[in-house]
Amino acid sequence: MRNPLQDQLLKAGLVKKGKVAQVVREQTKQRQGKAPAPASTEQVDAQRLQAERAERDRALAAEHNAQIRANELRAQIRQIVEAHKIKRDGELTYRFTVEDKIQSVLVNEAQRTQLAKGTLVIARHDQGFELLPRAAAEKIYARDATAIVLDHGVTTASNAADTDDEYYKQFQVPDDLTW
């Protein structure tokens, strides 16, 4: 079943008979492939259900992977703290606030001055707190900044704090004041 144009081209000698037959075969294949059988409602429902299940499985897998990643970060932070914690052997109580509660650790005078300068930081470790050097704190900041509870080396000044600082500069604070 050829169309009239193909017959005319064949009679004129512009195309060969084998080429015309090949084109006819390709056209019939294309026609048969373009008209798929209409899907039944059961098939549509099954495909929709399968797509919903796949989407739910992807969401659960993403949530599971995020939870695994968070656990890995906590384990890395725990290892860093264990490896770099500084022994606290002082009698001075150093107080700081964590989540609107006052906490305290015992330090010696050198550790107290290092905490004030920002060369030491205080990090949360299990149920307590540990002193860490600045290098270890940077590693922890890269993983989870909320694990560091006290860091005087980081400047987080805002405009309101700057105006308050200028006002309070007129008052002298004694150097030996501890709270």
Protein backbone atom coordinates (compact mmCIF):
# COMPACT_ATOMS: atom_id res chain seq x y z
CA MET A 1 0.00 0.00 0.00
CA ARG A 2 1.97 2.91 -1.36
CA ASN A 3 0.89 6.43 -1.80
CA PRO A 4 0.68 7.99 -5.27
CA LEU A 5 3.79 10.12 -4.80
CA GLN A 6 5.89 7.02 -4.14
CA ASP A 7 4.48 5.38 -7.30
CA GLN A 8 5.31 8.45 -9.38
CA LEU A 9 8.88 8.61 -8.02
CA LEU A 10 9.33 4.87 -8.71
CA LYS A 11 8.05 5.22 -12.32
CA ALA A 12 10.31 8.23 -12.89
CA GLY A 13 13.30 6.17 -11.71
CA LEU A 14 14.26 8.56 -8.93
CA VAL A 15 14.05 5.89 -6.21
CA LYS A 16 14.63 2.14 -6.12
CA LYS A 17 11.95 -0.41 -5.32
CA GLY A 18 13.82 -1.68 -2.21
CA LYS A 19 14.07 1.82 -0.79
CA VAL A 20 10.33 2.40 -1.25
CA ALA A 21 9.55 -0.89 0.49
CA GLN A 22 11.81 0.03 3.41
CA VAL A 23 10.10 3.41 3.83
CA VAL A 24 6.69 1.73 3.74
CA ARG A 25 7.76 -0.72 6.48
CA GLU A 26 9.07 2.11 8.70
CA GLN A 27 5.86 4.10 8.24
CA THR A 28 3.69 1.15 9.25
CA LYS A 29 5.87 0.55 12.32
CA GLN A 30 5.49 4.19 13.32
CA ARG A 31 1.72 4.09 12.89
CA GLN A 32 1.43 0.95 14.98
CA GLY A 33 3.68 2.40 17.72
CA LYS A 34 1.79 5.69 17.93
CA ALA A 35 -1.58 4.25 18.75
CA PRO A 36 -1.19 2.45 22.07
CA ALA A 37 -4.17 0.69 23.48
CA PRO A 38 -6.10 2.85 25.93
CA ALA A 39 -5.23 1.99 29.52
CA SER A 40 -7.97 0.61 31.70
CA THR A 41 -8.93 2.30 34.95
CA GLU A 42 -7.32 -0.51 36.94
CA GLN A 43 -4.03 0.03 35.15
CA VAL A 44 -4.21 3.79 35.73
CA ASP A 45 -4.98 3.24 39.41
CA ALA A 46 -2.16 0.73 39.72
CA GLN A 47 0.32 3.12 38.08
CA ARG A 48 -0.81 5.99 40.32
CA LEU A 49 -0.51 3.79 43.42
CA GLN A 50 2.95 2.64 42.33
CA ALA A 51 4.04 6.26 41.80
CA GLU A 52 2.74 7.25 45.24
CA ARG A 53 4.59 4.35 46.85
CA ALA A 54 7.81 5.27 45.06
CA GLU A 55 7.48 8.90 46.19
CA ARG A 56 6.82 7.85 49.79
CA ASP A 57 9.80 5.48 49.69
CA ARG A 58 12.03 8.29 48.38
CA ALA A 59 10.86 10.61 51.17
CA LEU A 60 11.50 7.95 53.82
CA ALA A 61 14.94 7.21 52.40
CA ALA A 62 15.84 10.92 52.39
CA GLU A 63 14.69 11.27 56.00
CA HIS A 64 16.64 8.17 57.00
CA ASN A 65 19.78 9.44 55.27
CA ALA A 66 19.46 12.82 57.00
CA GLN A 67 19.13 11.09 60.36
CA ILE A 68 22.19 8.94 59.67
CA ARG A 69 24.17 12.05 58.66
CA ALA A 70 23.15 13.85 61.87
CA ASN A 71 24.23 10.85 63.94
CA GLU A 72 27.58 10.78 62.13
CA LEU A 73 28.13 14.49 62.86
CA ARG A 74 27.32 14.00 66.55
CA ALA A 75 29.78 11.09 66.71
CA GLN A 76 32.48 13.19 65.02
CA ILE A 77 31.90 16.04 67.49
CA ARG A 78 32.06 13.60 70.41
CA GLN A 79 35.40 12.26 69.09
CA ILE A 80 36.83 15.77 68.66
CA VAL A 81 35.83 16.74 72.20
CA GLU A 82 37.27 13.53 73.67
CA ALA A 83 40.55 13.97 71.79
CA HIS A 84 41.08 17.68 72.55
CA LYS A 85 39.46 18.33 75.94
CA ILE A 86 41.60 20.16 78.46
CA LYS A 87 41.88 18.87 81.99
CA ARG A 88 40.13 21.14 84.49
CA ASP A 89 41.90 21.17 87.82
CA GLY A 90 41.05 24.55 89.32
CA GLU A 91 39.04 25.84 92.23
CA LEU A 92 37.58 28.91 90.51
CA THR A 93 33.98 28.64 89.38
CA TYR A 94 33.47 29.99 85.86
CA ARG A 95 29.79 30.67 85.20
CA PHE A 96 28.10 31.04 81.82
CA THR A 97 24.58 30.87 80.44
CA VAL A 98 23.21 28.06 78.30
CA GLU A 99 19.61 28.28 77.10
CA ASP A 100 18.69 30.85 79.77
CA LYS A 101 20.21 28.76 82.57
CA ILE A 102 23.39 29.52 84.45
CA GLN A 103 25.94 26.72 84.28
CA SER A 104 29.38 26.55 85.87
CA VAL A 105 32.68 24.74 85.46
CA LEU A 106 35.72 24.66 87.72
CA VAL A 107 38.83 26.21 86.16
CA ASN A 108 42.17 27.59 87.30
CA GLU A 109 43.26 31.20 86.83
CA ALA A 110 45.12 30.57 83.56
CA GLN A 111 42.13 28.79 82.04
CA ARG A 112 39.84 31.60 83.17
CA THR A 113 41.94 34.20 81.39
CA GLN A 114 42.17 32.01 78.28
CA LEU A 115 38.38 31.67 78.28
CA ALA A 116 38.01 35.45 78.57
CA LYS A 117 40.45 36.03 75.69
CA GLY A 118 38.78 33.42 73.49
CA THR A 119 41.69 31.01 73.16
CA LEU A 120 39.62 28.40 75.02
CA VAL A 121 35.95 27.63 74.46
CA ILE A 122 33.37 25.62 76.34
CA ALA A 123 31.61 22.84 74.43
CA ARG A 124 28.69 20.64 75.34
CA HIS A 125 29.76 17.02 75.90
CA ASP A 126 27.18 14.36 76.80
CA GLN A 127 25.57 15.73 79.99
CA GLY A 128 28.38 18.12 80.93
CA PHE A 129 30.77 20.66 79.48
CA GLU A 130 34.42 20.54 78.46
CA LEU A 131 37.14 23.11 77.72
CA LEU A 132 38.58 22.99 74.21
CA PRO A 133 41.31 24.92 72.39
CA ARG A 134 40.37 27.25 69.51
CA ALA A 135 41.57 24.79 66.80
CA ALA A 136 39.22 22.06 68.01
CA ALA A 137 36.38 24.58 68.26
CA GLU A 138 36.82 25.48 64.59
CA LYS A 139 36.45 21.80 63.67
CA ILE A 140 33.27 21.60 65.73
CA TYR A 141 31.90 24.83 64.20
CA ALA A 142 32.26 23.20 60.77
CA ARG A 143 30.03 20.32 61.89
CA ASP A 144 27.53 21.89 64.33
CA ALA A 145 27.86 25.37 65.79
CA THR A 146 25.31 24.68 68.54
CA ALA A 147 27.73 22.29 70.27
CA ILE A 148 29.87 25.28 71.35
CA VAL A 149 28.12 26.97 74.26
CA LEU A 150 30.68 29.69 75.12
CA ASP A 151 33.15 31.34 72.78
CA HIS A 152 34.46 34.81 73.55
CA GLY A 153 36.64 34.75 70.43
CA VAL A 154 33.65 35.09 68.09
CA THR A 155 32.31 38.61 67.72
CA THR A 156 28.54 38.72 67.45
CA ALA A 157 27.99 42.41 68.03
CA SER A 158 24.84 44.11 66.81
CA ASN A 159 23.99 47.79 66.45
CA ALA A 160 22.00 47.84 69.70
CA ALA A 161 24.95 46.35 71.57
CA ASP A 162 27.26 48.97 70.09
CA THR A 163 25.10 51.82 71.36
CA ASP A 164 24.92 50.19 74.78
CA ASP A 165 28.70 49.76 74.84
CA GLU A 166 29.25 53.45 74.12
CA TYR A 167 26.90 54.41 76.93
CA TYR A 168 28.58 52.12 79.46
CA LYS A 169 32.11 53.26 78.56
CA GLN A 170 31.70 56.16 80.96
CA PHE A 171 31.52 53.75 83.93
CA GLN A 172 34.65 52.08 85.30
CA VAL A 173 34.53 48.35 86.05
CA PRO A 174 37.08 46.91 88.48
CA ASP A 175 39.48 44.35 87.03
CA ASP A 176 39.08 41.83 89.83
CA LEU A 177 35.29 41.55 89.51
CA THR A 178 34.03 37.96 89.25
CA TRP A 179 30.46 36.74 89.41
